[in-house]
N, C-alpha and C. Protein backbone atom coordinates (compact mmCIF):
# COMPACT_ATOMS: atom_id res chain seq x y z
N MET A 1 6.33 36.46 -98.35
CA MET A 1 6.02 37.29 -97.11
C MET A 1 4.75 37.25 -96.73
N VAL A 2 5.00 37.41 -95.22
CA VAL A 2 3.61 38.00 -94.54
C VAL A 2 3.86 39.33 -94.22
N ASP A 3 2.77 40.60 -94.25
CA ASP A 3 2.63 41.83 -93.76
C ASP A 3 1.98 42.08 -93.28
N SER A 4 1.99 42.55 -92.14
CA SER A 4 0.88 42.95 -90.69
C SER A 4 0.27 44.76 -91.06
N GLY A 5 0.65 44.95 -92.19
CA GLY A 5 0.73 46.65 -92.38
C GLY A 5 1.37 47.56 -92.74
N SER A 6 2.94 47.52 -93.08
CA SER A 6 4.06 48.43 -92.84
C SER A 6 3.75 49.27 -93.92
N THR A 7 4.49 50.20 -93.51
CA THR A 7 4.53 51.58 -94.12
C THR A 7 5.76 52.32 -94.67
N ASP A 8 6.33 51.03 -94.71
CA ASP A 8 8.37 52.18 -94.68
C ASP A 8 8.64 51.43 -96.56
N GLY A 9 7.92 50.71 -97.39
CA GLY A 9 8.24 50.35 -98.49
C GLY A 9 8.28 49.22 -98.76
N THR A 10 8.66 48.15 -97.33
CA THR A 10 8.77 46.69 -97.54
C THR A 10 8.07 46.01 -98.31
N LEU A 11 6.37 46.55 -98.42
CA LEU A 11 6.10 45.43 -99.76
C LEU A 11 6.70 46.09 -101.60
N GLU A 12 6.95 46.75 -101.66
CA GLU A 12 7.26 47.19 -102.72
C GLU A 12 8.71 46.67 -103.09
N ILE A 13 9.44 46.73 -102.19
CA ILE A 13 10.88 46.10 -102.22
C ILE A 13 10.60 44.38 -102.47
N CYS A 14 9.98 44.14 -101.79
CA CYS A 14 9.65 42.36 -102.09
C CYS A 14 8.87 42.02 -103.19
N ARG A 15 8.06 42.80 -103.69
CA ARG A 15 7.33 42.53 -105.14
C ARG A 15 8.35 43.21 -106.33
N ASP A 16 9.17 43.56 -106.34
CA ASP A 16 10.18 44.23 -107.39
C ASP A 16 11.37 42.82 -107.03
N PHE A 17 11.42 42.07 -106.30
CA PHE A 17 12.02 40.93 -106.35
C PHE A 17 11.35 39.65 -106.77
N GLY A 18 9.87 39.88 -106.92
CA GLY A 18 9.27 38.78 -106.98
C GLY A 18 8.22 37.97 -105.82
N ALA A 19 8.73 38.43 -105.02
CA ALA A 19 7.88 37.59 -103.78
C ALA A 19 6.53 37.75 -104.02
N THR A 20 5.93 36.79 -103.03
CA THR A 20 4.60 36.64 -103.41
C THR A 20 4.54 37.27 -101.51
N CYS A 21 3.17 38.60 -101.18
CA CYS A 21 2.86 39.59 -100.68
C CYS A 21 1.67 38.98 -99.88
N LEU A 22 1.87 38.73 -98.45
CA LEU A 22 0.33 38.04 -97.92
C LEU A 22 -0.11 39.44 -97.01
N HIS A 23 -0.98 39.78 -96.79
CA HIS A 23 -1.29 40.41 -95.71
C HIS A 23 -2.35 39.62 -94.83
N ARG A 24 -1.43 39.86 -93.05
CA ARG A 24 -2.46 38.89 -92.00
C ARG A 24 -2.40 40.23 -91.25
N ASP A 25 -3.66 40.82 -90.47
CA ASP A 25 -3.19 41.38 -89.25
C ASP A 25 -2.58 41.33 -88.14
N TRP A 26 -2.33 42.06 -87.14
CA TRP A 26 -1.10 41.09 -86.64
C TRP A 26 -2.07 40.98 -85.08
N GLU A 27 -1.56 39.45 -84.91
CA GLU A 27 -2.58 38.91 -83.45
C GLU A 27 -1.07 38.68 -82.56
N GLY A 28 0.06 38.23 -83.06
CA GLY A 28 1.60 37.95 -81.63
C GLY A 28 2.56 37.39 -82.95
N TYR A 29 3.59 36.73 -82.23
CA TYR A 29 4.46 36.03 -83.46
C TYR A 29 4.36 34.94 -83.74
N GLY A 30 4.04 34.36 -82.88
CA GLY A 30 3.52 33.02 -83.30
C GLY A 30 2.54 32.81 -83.99
N GLN A 31 1.36 33.43 -83.82
CA GLN A 31 0.13 33.19 -84.99
C GLN A 31 0.29 33.76 -86.45
N GLN A 32 1.22 34.50 -86.48
CA GLN A 32 1.78 35.28 -87.91
C GLN A 32 2.46 34.27 -88.51
N LYS A 33 3.96 33.51 -87.87
CA LYS A 33 4.42 32.85 -88.46
C LYS A 33 3.76 31.72 -88.53
N ARG A 34 2.98 30.83 -88.10
CA ARG A 34 2.22 29.93 -88.46
C ARG A 34 1.12 30.19 -89.46
N PHE A 35 0.60 31.36 -89.68
CA PHE A 35 -0.03 31.66 -90.79
C PHE A 35 0.95 31.13 -92.21
N ALA A 36 2.46 32.22 -92.22
CA ALA A 36 3.20 32.29 -92.96
C ALA A 36 3.66 30.43 -93.73
N GLU A 37 3.38 29.51 -92.49
CA GLU A 37 3.82 28.24 -92.66
C GLU A 37 2.51 27.50 -93.51
N THR A 38 1.35 28.05 -93.04
CA THR A 38 0.41 27.45 -94.35
C THR A 38 0.30 27.80 -95.65
N MET A 39 0.80 28.85 -95.59
CA MET A 39 0.39 29.73 -96.78
C MET A 39 2.45 29.09 -98.10
N ALA A 40 2.90 28.73 -97.28
CA ALA A 40 4.40 27.99 -97.76
C ALA A 40 3.93 27.16 -99.28
N SER A 41 4.89 27.23 -100.44
CA SER A 41 4.60 25.94 -101.09
C SER A 41 4.89 25.33 -101.15
N HIS A 42 6.19 25.13 -100.07
CA HIS A 42 7.01 23.68 -99.59
C HIS A 42 7.03 23.11 -98.49
N ASP A 43 7.37 21.95 -98.34
CA ASP A 43 7.33 21.94 -96.46
C ASP A 43 8.70 22.43 -95.86
N TRP A 44 9.59 22.34 -96.51
CA TRP A 44 11.19 23.09 -95.86
C TRP A 44 10.82 24.31 -96.10
N ILE A 45 11.06 24.83 -94.97
CA ILE A 45 10.71 26.70 -94.87
C ILE A 45 12.17 27.38 -93.88
N LEU A 46 12.44 28.23 -94.71
CA LEU A 46 13.22 29.39 -94.12
C LEU A 46 13.24 30.64 -93.55
N ASN A 47 13.14 30.56 -92.05
CA ASN A 47 12.30 31.48 -92.10
C ASN A 47 12.89 32.72 -91.57
N LEU A 48 12.82 34.43 -92.13
CA LEU A 48 13.50 34.66 -91.64
C LEU A 48 12.59 36.50 -91.44
N ASP A 49 12.79 37.07 -90.36
CA ASP A 49 12.33 38.41 -90.02
C ASP A 49 12.35 39.27 -91.04
N ALA A 50 11.83 40.53 -90.75
CA ALA A 50 12.17 41.95 -92.03
C ALA A 50 13.45 42.73 -91.53
N ASP A 51 13.62 42.33 -90.18
CA ASP A 51 15.12 43.09 -89.74
C ASP A 51 16.72 41.92 -89.63
N GLU A 52 16.24 40.68 -90.23
CA GLU A 52 17.29 39.96 -90.56
C GLU A 52 17.96 39.68 -92.32
N TRP A 53 18.87 39.23 -92.15
CA TRP A 53 19.48 38.81 -93.66
C TRP A 53 20.67 37.71 -93.87
N LEU A 54 20.74 36.96 -95.04
CA LEU A 54 21.43 36.05 -95.06
C LEU A 54 22.86 36.59 -95.78
N THR A 55 24.18 36.38 -95.11
CA THR A 55 25.28 36.87 -95.82
C THR A 55 25.41 35.85 -96.65
N GLU A 56 26.89 36.35 -97.65
CA GLU A 56 27.03 35.48 -98.74
C GLU A 56 27.54 33.77 -98.60
N ALA A 57 27.93 33.91 -96.95
CA ALA A 57 28.73 32.67 -96.61
C ALA A 57 27.44 31.61 -96.32
N THR A 58 26.24 32.44 -95.77
CA THR A 58 25.55 31.58 -94.98
C THR A 58 24.33 31.31 -96.66
N ARG A 59 24.60 32.04 -97.93
CA ARG A 59 23.87 31.57 -98.92
C ARG A 59 24.55 30.36 -99.54
N ALA A 60 25.26 30.66 -99.69
CA ALA A 60 26.67 29.60 -100.19
C ALA A 60 26.25 28.06 -99.92
N GLU A 61 26.01 28.09 -98.13
CA GLU A 61 26.44 27.01 -97.49
C GLU A 61 24.89 26.32 -97.82
N LEU A 62 23.65 27.01 -97.65
CA LEU A 62 22.70 26.79 -97.71
C LEU A 62 22.25 26.08 -99.26
N SER A 63 23.02 26.62 -100.36
CA SER A 63 22.89 25.83 -101.57
C SER A 63 23.74 24.82 -101.81
N ARG A 64 24.48 24.75 -101.39
CA ARG A 64 25.51 23.45 -101.06
C ARG A 64 24.20 22.33 -100.07
N LEU A 65 23.75 22.95 -98.92
CA LEU A 65 22.69 21.95 -98.42
C LEU A 65 21.75 21.32 -98.84
N LEU A 66 21.10 22.75 -99.74
CA LEU A 66 19.54 22.48 -100.51
C LEU A 66 20.06 21.49 -101.87
N SER A 67 21.25 21.32 -102.35
CA SER A 67 21.15 20.97 -103.84
C SER A 67 21.38 19.02 -103.90
N ALA A 68 21.18 18.76 -102.71
CA ALA A 68 20.92 17.16 -102.21
C ALA A 68 20.03 16.80 -101.41
N PRO A 69 19.30 15.39 -101.39
CA PRO A 69 18.17 15.42 -100.55
C PRO A 69 19.06 15.39 -98.86
N ILE A 70 17.96 16.21 -98.01
CA ILE A 70 18.28 15.87 -96.89
C ILE A 70 18.20 14.77 -96.32
N ARG A 71 19.19 14.35 -95.32
CA ARG A 71 18.64 12.94 -94.62
C ARG A 71 17.88 12.89 -93.46
N GLU A 72 16.74 12.09 -93.37
CA GLU A 72 15.72 11.78 -93.14
C GLU A 72 15.56 12.24 -91.71
N ASP A 73 16.52 11.87 -91.13
CA ASP A 73 16.42 12.15 -89.44
C ASP A 73 16.68 13.37 -89.07
N LEU A 74 17.15 14.51 -89.88
CA LEU A 74 16.93 15.76 -89.66
C LEU A 74 15.84 16.87 -89.90
N HIS A 75 14.82 17.29 -88.85
CA HIS A 75 13.70 17.73 -89.33
C HIS A 75 13.88 19.30 -89.09
N GLY A 76 15.21 19.87 -88.89
CA GLY A 76 15.80 21.41 -89.16
C GLY A 76 16.74 21.75 -88.91
N PHE A 77 17.57 22.64 -88.98
CA PHE A 77 18.79 23.50 -88.74
C PHE A 77 18.64 24.64 -87.71
N GLU A 78 19.50 24.66 -87.03
CA GLU A 78 20.05 25.71 -86.22
C GLU A 78 21.08 26.84 -86.71
N PHE A 79 20.92 28.23 -86.70
CA PHE A 79 21.30 28.96 -87.21
C PHE A 79 21.95 30.00 -86.07
N ARG A 80 23.14 30.93 -86.15
CA ARG A 80 23.67 31.64 -84.96
C ARG A 80 23.36 33.24 -85.85
N ILE A 81 22.29 33.29 -85.02
CA ILE A 81 21.75 34.75 -85.31
C ILE A 81 22.77 36.24 -84.57
N THR A 82 23.40 36.49 -85.67
CA THR A 82 24.61 37.84 -84.86
C THR A 82 23.64 39.23 -84.91
N GLN A 83 23.65 39.70 -83.68
CA GLN A 83 23.42 41.19 -83.58
C GLN A 83 24.18 41.98 -84.53
N VAL A 84 23.33 43.38 -85.30
CA VAL A 84 24.05 44.04 -85.63
C VAL A 84 23.56 45.42 -85.35
N TYR A 85 24.30 46.63 -85.00
CA TYR A 85 23.93 47.63 -84.60
C TYR A 85 23.24 48.55 -85.43
N PRO A 86 22.62 49.58 -85.08
CA PRO A 86 22.24 50.39 -86.26
C PRO A 86 23.17 51.23 -87.21
N GLY A 87 22.73 51.20 -87.81
CA GLY A 87 23.54 51.79 -89.19
C GLY A 87 24.93 51.03 -89.76
N ASP A 88 25.21 49.76 -89.17
CA ASP A 88 26.08 48.83 -89.60
C ASP A 88 25.99 48.17 -90.19
N ALA A 89 26.72 47.39 -91.23
CA ALA A 89 26.69 46.36 -92.11
C ALA A 89 27.27 45.17 -91.77
N ARG A 90 27.87 44.97 -90.62
CA ARG A 90 28.32 44.16 -89.87
C ARG A 90 28.40 44.09 -88.70
N PRO A 91 28.32 42.76 -88.03
CA PRO A 91 28.52 42.74 -86.12
C PRO A 91 29.99 43.12 -85.95
N ARG A 92 29.75 44.22 -84.87
CA ARG A 92 31.00 44.41 -84.15
C ARG A 92 31.88 43.56 -83.42
N PRO A 93 33.16 43.28 -83.34
CA PRO A 93 33.50 42.06 -82.71
C PRO A 93 33.25 41.89 -81.78
N PHE A 94 33.20 40.35 -81.84
CA PHE A 94 32.96 39.48 -80.57
C PHE A 94 31.09 39.52 -80.60
N ALA A 95 30.53 40.30 -81.53
CA ALA A 95 29.03 40.38 -80.95
C ALA A 95 28.87 39.52 -80.71
N ASP A 96 27.53 39.31 -79.86
CA ASP A 96 26.21 38.77 -78.92
C ASP A 96 25.72 37.91 -80.24
N TYR A 97 25.07 36.82 -79.73
CA TYR A 97 24.12 36.05 -80.90
C TYR A 97 23.32 35.21 -79.98
N HIS A 98 22.37 34.64 -80.82
CA HIS A 98 21.49 33.55 -80.06
C HIS A 98 21.32 32.51 -81.16
N THR A 99 21.09 31.60 -80.86
CA THR A 99 20.82 30.41 -81.69
C THR A 99 19.48 29.60 -81.68
N TYR A 100 19.17 29.81 -83.12
CA TYR A 100 17.90 29.65 -83.34
C TYR A 100 17.42 28.38 -84.57
N VAL A 101 16.51 27.72 -84.43
CA VAL A 101 16.19 26.56 -85.67
C VAL A 101 15.39 27.85 -86.49
N ARG A 102 15.87 27.84 -87.90
CA ARG A 102 15.52 28.67 -88.75
C ARG A 102 15.13 28.11 -90.27
N LEU A 103 15.55 26.99 -90.73
CA LEU A 103 15.27 26.15 -91.77
C LEU A 103 15.06 25.15 -90.94
N TYR A 104 13.69 24.51 -91.57
CA TYR A 104 12.78 23.35 -90.77
C TYR A 104 11.50 22.77 -91.68
N ASP A 105 11.23 21.52 -91.56
CA ASP A 105 10.40 20.88 -92.35
C ASP A 105 8.90 21.09 -91.21
N ARG A 106 7.92 21.67 -91.78
CA ARG A 106 6.72 22.20 -91.12
C ARG A 106 5.86 20.60 -91.13
N THR A 107 6.26 19.69 -91.75
CA THR A 107 5.90 18.25 -91.37
C THR A 107 5.64 17.43 -90.32
N ARG A 108 6.98 18.45 -89.47
CA ARG A 108 7.80 17.86 -88.55
C ARG A 108 8.19 18.51 -87.26
N CYS A 109 8.10 19.62 -87.55
CA CYS A 109 7.61 20.70 -86.42
C CYS A 109 7.34 22.20 -86.97
N ARG A 110 6.59 22.72 -85.89
CA ARG A 110 6.21 24.32 -86.55
C ARG A 110 6.47 25.58 -84.99
N PHE A 111 6.31 26.48 -85.71
CA PHE A 111 6.19 27.43 -84.29
C PHE A 111 5.22 27.40 -83.72
N PRO A 112 5.19 27.63 -82.64
CA PRO A 112 4.10 27.45 -81.30
C PRO A 112 2.64 28.31 -81.37
N ASP A 113 1.87 28.02 -81.09
CA ASP A 113 0.76 29.16 -81.25
C ASP A 113 0.38 30.01 -79.97
N SER A 114 1.93 30.97 -80.02
CA SER A 114 1.73 31.96 -78.77
C SER A 114 2.26 33.43 -79.69
N ALA A 115 1.32 34.46 -78.88
CA ALA A 115 1.63 35.65 -79.02
C ALA A 115 3.07 36.35 -78.62
N VAL A 116 3.77 35.98 -77.75
CA VAL A 116 5.56 36.09 -77.83
C VAL A 116 6.27 35.10 -77.67
N PHE A 117 6.45 33.81 -77.80
CA PHE A 117 7.12 32.86 -77.73
C PHE A 117 7.06 32.12 -78.92
N ASP A 118 8.54 32.40 -79.90
CA ASP A 118 8.18 32.01 -81.29
C ASP A 118 9.41 31.72 -81.71
N GLU A 119 9.73 30.36 -81.31
CA GLU A 119 10.84 29.33 -81.33
C GLU A 119 10.26 28.29 -81.78
N VAL A 120 11.16 27.19 -82.73
CA VAL A 120 11.12 26.18 -83.05
C VAL A 120 11.91 25.08 -82.35
N LYS A 121 11.40 24.32 -81.66
CA LYS A 121 11.36 23.26 -81.01
C LYS A 121 12.02 22.12 -81.55
N ILE A 122 13.37 21.64 -81.55
CA ILE A 122 13.60 20.21 -82.51
C ILE A 122 14.40 19.75 -81.13
N PRO A 123 14.11 18.07 -80.99
CA PRO A 123 14.63 17.27 -79.98
C PRO A 123 16.54 17.40 -81.08
N ALA A 124 17.42 17.55 -80.04
CA ALA A 124 19.41 17.51 -80.47
C ALA A 124 19.07 16.50 -81.65
N ALA A 125 18.86 15.31 -81.60
CA ALA A 125 19.07 14.01 -82.43
C ALA A 125 18.65 14.42 -83.51
N HIS A 126 17.61 15.71 -84.10
CA HIS A 126 17.22 15.21 -85.34
C HIS A 126 17.50 17.03 -85.91
N LYS A 127 17.92 17.44 -85.01
CA LYS A 127 18.75 18.98 -85.60
C LYS A 127 20.07 19.24 -86.11
N GLY A 128 20.76 20.10 -87.61
CA GLY A 128 21.57 20.08 -87.90
C GLY A 128 22.05 21.63 -87.27
N ARG A 129 23.08 21.84 -88.09
CA ARG A 129 23.63 23.05 -87.57
C ARG A 129 24.17 23.87 -88.49
N ILE A 130 24.11 25.04 -89.10
CA ILE A 130 24.40 25.93 -90.32
C ILE A 130 25.70 26.40 -89.66
N ARG A 131 26.77 26.46 -90.21
CA ARG A 131 27.93 27.38 -89.70
C ARG A 131 27.92 28.92 -89.57
N ALA A 132 27.45 29.24 -90.93
CA ALA A 132 27.41 30.56 -91.46
C ALA A 132 26.71 31.34 -90.83
N PRO A 133 26.58 32.86 -90.38
CA PRO A 133 25.49 33.39 -89.52
C PRO A 133 24.66 34.02 -90.27
N ILE A 134 23.37 34.09 -89.89
CA ILE A 134 22.45 35.31 -90.01
C ILE A 134 22.82 36.62 -89.52
N PHE A 135 22.66 37.50 -90.22
CA PHE A 135 22.75 38.95 -89.50
C PHE A 135 21.25 39.91 -89.43
N HIS A 136 21.34 40.45 -88.13
CA HIS A 136 20.07 40.81 -87.27
C HIS A 136 20.13 41.97 -86.84
N GLN A 137 19.61 42.94 -86.98
CA GLN A 137 19.76 44.24 -86.90
C GLN A 137 18.40 44.91 -86.32
N SER A 138 18.21 44.10 -84.95
CA SER A 138 17.24 43.82 -84.19
C SER A 138 16.46 45.85 -83.98
N ILE A 139 17.32 46.50 -83.93
CA ILE A 139 16.43 47.71 -83.29
C ILE A 139 17.07 49.13 -84.19
N ARG A 140 16.47 49.98 -84.81
CA ARG A 140 16.85 51.32 -85.22
C ARG A 140 17.69 52.27 -84.56
N SER A 141 17.63 52.17 -83.19
CA SER A 141 17.88 53.37 -82.35
C SER A 141 17.54 52.91 -80.68
N ILE A 142 17.96 53.78 -80.12
CA ILE A 142 18.19 53.42 -78.20
C ILE A 142 16.20 53.71 -78.15
N ALA A 143 15.54 54.85 -78.70
CA ALA A 143 14.44 54.85 -78.94
C ALA A 143 13.29 53.93 -79.07
N HIS A 144 13.80 53.12 -80.38
CA HIS A 144 13.01 52.06 -80.68
C HIS A 144 13.65 50.68 -79.90
N LEU A 145 14.69 50.28 -79.14
CA LEU A 145 15.02 49.80 -78.55
C LEU A 145 13.75 49.65 -77.11
N VAL A 146 13.37 50.84 -76.91
CA VAL A 146 12.73 51.22 -75.56
C VAL A 146 11.14 51.02 -75.94
N GLU A 147 10.72 51.16 -77.36
CA GLU A 147 9.32 51.16 -77.98
C GLU A 147 9.40 49.62 -77.91
N LYS A 148 10.12 49.13 -78.80
CA LYS A 148 9.98 47.71 -79.62
C LYS A 148 9.87 46.84 -77.76
N ASN A 149 10.64 47.07 -76.65
CA ASN A 149 10.52 45.87 -75.63
C ASN A 149 8.85 46.12 -74.80
N ILE A 150 8.82 47.67 -74.51
CA ILE A 150 7.63 47.86 -73.52
C ILE A 150 6.42 46.95 -74.32
N LEU A 151 6.44 47.00 -76.03
CA LEU A 151 4.98 46.40 -76.33
C LEU A 151 5.35 44.82 -76.20
N TYR A 152 6.49 44.45 -76.22
CA TYR A 152 6.86 43.15 -75.96
C TYR A 152 6.64 42.64 -74.66
N TYR A 153 6.93 43.38 -73.90
CA TYR A 153 6.61 43.06 -72.29
C TYR A 153 5.02 43.01 -72.15
N ARG A 154 4.30 43.83 -72.57
CA ARG A 154 2.74 43.90 -72.45
C ARG A 154 2.27 42.99 -73.08
N LEU A 155 2.80 42.70 -74.22
CA LEU A 155 2.14 40.97 -74.84
C LEU A 155 2.59 39.96 -74.02
N GLN A 156 3.63 40.00 -73.08
CA GLN A 156 4.02 39.04 -72.37
C GLN A 156 3.01 38.98 -71.30
N THR A 157 2.46 39.82 -70.45
CA THR A 157 1.29 39.86 -69.73
C THR A 157 0.42 38.88 -69.81
N GLY A 158 -0.06 38.85 -71.09
CA GLY A 158 -1.28 37.91 -71.10
C GLY A 158 -0.94 36.91 -71.43
N GLU A 159 0.26 36.36 -71.15
CA GLU A 159 0.36 35.06 -71.46
C GLU A 159 1.41 34.27 -70.38
N ILE A 160 1.88 35.46 -68.92
CA ILE A 160 2.42 34.90 -68.03
C ILE A 160 1.34 35.71 -66.81
N LYS A 161 0.99 34.62 -66.13
CA LYS A 161 0.04 35.46 -65.33
C LYS A 161 0.33 34.91 -63.61
N LYS A 162 1.36 34.09 -63.53
CA LYS A 162 2.13 33.48 -62.41
C LYS A 162 2.63 35.02 -61.34
N LYS A 163 2.49 35.35 -60.59
CA LYS A 163 3.66 36.15 -59.92
C LYS A 163 4.40 35.61 -59.16
N SER A 164 5.64 35.81 -58.92
CA SER A 164 6.68 35.30 -58.12
C SER A 164 6.84 36.25 -56.47
N PRO A 165 6.83 35.31 -55.93
CA PRO A 165 6.84 36.42 -54.17
C PRO A 165 8.46 37.05 -54.43
N LEU A 166 8.89 36.36 -55.19
CA LEU A 166 10.87 36.64 -55.04
C LEU A 166 10.92 37.89 -56.16
N THR A 167 9.96 38.33 -56.79
CA THR A 167 10.05 39.94 -57.69
C THR A 167 10.30 41.12 -56.95
N PRO A 168 10.22 41.51 -56.10
CA PRO A 168 10.12 42.23 -55.36
C PRO A 168 11.82 42.27 -55.18
N VAL A 169 12.54 41.33 -54.55
CA VAL A 169 13.97 40.93 -54.26
C VAL A 169 14.61 41.08 -55.73
N ARG A 170 13.61 40.49 -56.56
CA ARG A 170 14.75 40.87 -58.12
C ARG A 170 14.77 41.99 -58.53
N ILE A 171 13.53 42.81 -58.29
CA ILE A 171 13.75 44.25 -58.79
C ILE A 171 14.84 45.37 -58.53
N ALA A 172 15.06 44.73 -57.27
CA ALA A 172 16.08 45.50 -56.68
C ALA A 172 17.57 45.17 -57.21
N PHE A 173 17.73 44.17 -57.14
CA PHE A 173 19.04 43.74 -57.64
C PHE A 173 19.35 43.54 -59.51
N GLU A 174 17.97 43.61 -60.49
CA GLU A 174 17.97 43.32 -61.55
C GLU A 174 19.03 44.20 -62.34
N PRO A 175 18.61 45.59 -62.22
CA PRO A 175 19.53 46.35 -62.95
C PRO A 175 21.01 46.46 -63.16
N LEU A 176 21.61 45.90 -62.00
CA LEU A 176 23.16 45.55 -61.58
C LEU A 176 23.38 44.33 -62.46
N LEU A 177 22.29 42.96 -62.27
CA LEU A 177 22.87 41.82 -62.66
C LEU A 177 22.85 42.10 -64.22
N VAL A 178 21.50 42.49 -64.83
CA VAL A 178 21.69 42.51 -66.01
C VAL A 178 22.04 43.50 -67.07
N PHE A 179 22.99 44.50 -66.54
CA PHE A 179 23.78 45.30 -67.08
C PHE A 179 25.30 44.46 -67.36
N PHE A 180 25.35 43.98 -65.99
CA PHE A 180 26.58 43.02 -65.97
C PHE A 180 26.53 41.88 -67.34
N LYS A 181 25.33 41.26 -67.44
CA LYS A 181 25.33 40.57 -68.35
C LYS A 181 25.57 40.69 -70.04
N TYR A 182 25.01 42.00 -70.04
CA TYR A 182 24.98 42.28 -71.35
C TYR A 182 26.16 43.11 -71.71
N TYR A 183 26.76 43.79 -70.58
CA TYR A 183 28.06 44.70 -71.22
C TYR A 183 28.82 43.32 -71.10
N PHE A 184 29.20 42.72 -70.16
CA PHE A 184 30.57 42.04 -70.02
C PHE A 184 29.98 40.54 -70.51
N MET A 185 28.88 40.34 -70.03
CA MET A 185 28.97 38.69 -70.86
C MET A 185 28.42 38.65 -72.38
N LYS A 186 27.52 39.31 -72.40
CA LYS A 186 27.67 38.94 -74.24
C LYS A 186 27.80 40.50 -75.13
N ARG A 187 29.04 40.55 -74.27
CA ARG A 187 30.27 41.74 -75.07
C ARG A 187 29.68 42.89 -75.53
N HIS A 188 28.64 43.77 -75.39
CA HIS A 188 28.60 44.75 -75.69
C HIS A 188 29.62 45.98 -75.38
N VAL A 189 30.30 45.84 -74.26
CA VAL A 189 31.76 46.54 -74.24
C VAL A 189 32.56 46.50 -75.42
N THR A 190 32.54 45.50 -76.20
CA THR A 190 32.99 46.03 -77.76
C THR A 190 32.49 47.01 -78.70
N GLY A 191 31.43 47.44 -78.29
CA GLY A 191 30.69 48.50 -78.92
C GLY A 191 30.99 49.64 -78.28
N GLY A 192 32.06 50.26 -77.39
CA GLY A 192 32.29 51.31 -77.18
C GLY A 192 30.90 52.23 -76.34
N VAL A 193 31.10 53.46 -76.16
CA VAL A 193 29.80 54.30 -75.85
C VAL A 193 28.60 54.06 -76.27
N TYR A 194 28.22 53.10 -77.69
CA TYR A 194 26.69 52.96 -78.03
C TYR A 194 26.58 51.59 -77.17
N GLY A 195 27.30 51.00 -76.76
CA GLY A 195 27.66 49.53 -76.19
C GLY A 195 26.95 49.79 -74.90
N PHE A 196 27.71 50.50 -74.02
CA PHE A 196 27.45 50.68 -72.62
C PHE A 196 25.77 51.52 -72.66
N ILE A 197 25.26 52.36 -73.79
CA ILE A 197 24.15 52.74 -74.00
C ILE A 197 23.17 51.54 -74.04
N VAL A 198 23.36 50.81 -74.62
CA VAL A 198 22.43 49.46 -75.26
C VAL A 198 22.50 48.83 -73.92
N ALA A 199 23.51 48.38 -73.09
CA ALA A 199 23.31 47.79 -71.87
C ALA A 199 22.52 47.77 -70.68
N ILE A 200 23.22 49.67 -70.62
CA ILE A 200 22.51 49.92 -69.61
C ILE A 200 21.02 50.31 -69.91
N THR A 201 20.30 50.46 -71.15
CA THR A 201 19.26 50.32 -71.08
C THR A 201 18.39 49.23 -71.31
N ILE A 202 18.97 48.28 -72.06
CA ILE A 202 18.30 46.72 -71.46
C ILE A 202 18.31 46.32 -69.83
N ALA A 203 19.14 47.39 -69.12
CA ALA A 203 19.08 46.75 -67.73
C ALA A 203 17.69 47.51 -66.89
N MET A 204 17.41 48.61 -67.69
CA MET A 204 16.36 49.18 -67.17
C MET A 204 15.27 48.59 -67.74
N LEU A 205 14.96 48.07 -68.95
CA LEU A 205 13.66 47.55 -69.46
C LEU A 205 13.47 46.35 -69.06
N ARG A 206 14.44 45.54 -68.38
CA ARG A 206 14.31 44.18 -67.88
C ARG A 206 13.32 45.01 -66.34
N THR A 207 14.05 45.67 -65.77
CA THR A 207 13.47 45.93 -64.53
C THR A 207 12.36 46.46 -64.71
N TYR A 208 11.66 47.00 -65.56
CA TYR A 208 10.47 47.10 -65.99
C TYR A 208 9.39 46.27 -66.28
N ARG A 209 10.32 45.62 -66.64
CA ARG A 209 9.56 43.91 -67.39
C ARG A 209 8.96 43.50 -66.07
N LEU A 210 9.45 43.67 -64.90
CA LEU A 210 9.25 42.63 -63.68
C LEU A 210 8.38 43.61 -62.72
N ALA A 211 8.74 44.55 -62.94
CA ALA A 211 7.40 45.65 -61.96
C ALA A 211 5.82 45.60 -63.01
N ILE A 212 5.46 45.08 -64.38
CA ILE A 212 4.98 45.14 -64.71
C ILE A 212 4.31 43.30 -64.81
N LEU A 213 4.78 42.71 -64.70
CA LEU A 213 4.61 41.03 -64.10
C LEU A 213 3.66 41.26 -62.75
N HIS A 214 4.55 42.17 -61.82
CA HIS A 214 4.10 42.22 -60.75
C HIS A 214 2.86 42.82 -59.99
N PHE A 215 2.98 44.24 -60.50
CA PHE A 215 2.23 45.54 -60.57
C PHE A 215 0.88 44.92 -61.47
N PRO A 216 -0.13 44.56 -61.26
CA PRO A 216 -1.11 44.58 -62.51
C PRO A 216 -1.75 46.08 -63.23
N LYS A 217 -1.74 46.78 -62.38
CA LYS A 217 -2.40 48.26 -62.90
C LYS A 217 -1.10 48.76 -63.53
N GLU A 218 0.21 48.61 -63.55
CA GLU A 218 1.20 49.04 -64.30
C GLU A 218 0.93 48.65 -65.87
N ARG A 219 0.13 47.37 -66.18
CA ARG A 219 -0.29 47.11 -67.34
C ARG A 219 -0.70 47.81 -68.69
N THR A 220 -1.65 48.56 -68.02
CA THR A 220 -3.14 49.41 -68.81
C THR A 220 -2.33 50.64 -68.83
N ARG A 221 -1.13 51.23 -68.42
CA ARG A 221 -0.58 52.59 -68.77
C ARG A 221 0.35 52.90 -70.09
């Protein structure tokens, strides 16, 4: 486990389970994960963030997969990363999800050396699929959602330099379009009032992201 200075008891919990805990000051998502890759004892790596966990079904599927040699043409496996609201143990009905490679052979592929873009890329022909999900509780509260995204967007300004002339037009329509996307297409409508608040907060945050990318003076505030 690689830690960048947590103070919530994570290290103690991991050590109690027998995990090897390493410290590395935070530089960015990709840099942190590439460091973890180099510290791993084996070439096949299962990457989990601190706010993610394996379900019983996922652990059982991985046990079956890893009990036999993995095919040579498979460089990694993607998972369905399903969102869980703060305080809940399971996803809401029809919860939104993303699909990412989280089990992979580090000799064939790795995380990029990027502060913000931290996704392992594998051609479809060399990618397998784990059917059971990983659960992801990405926020602890609405306040945490705002804080987390603002910090992430400020990191993005260090790698996204080019301004688009269409940004002012996008700013005008971004709140409505993003709200529609998250509330209906990503199905936060099934989350009740909390789902509505999440969707509208993300819509405002995405508009703020465009603003700091377009107006450099906003980046230092």
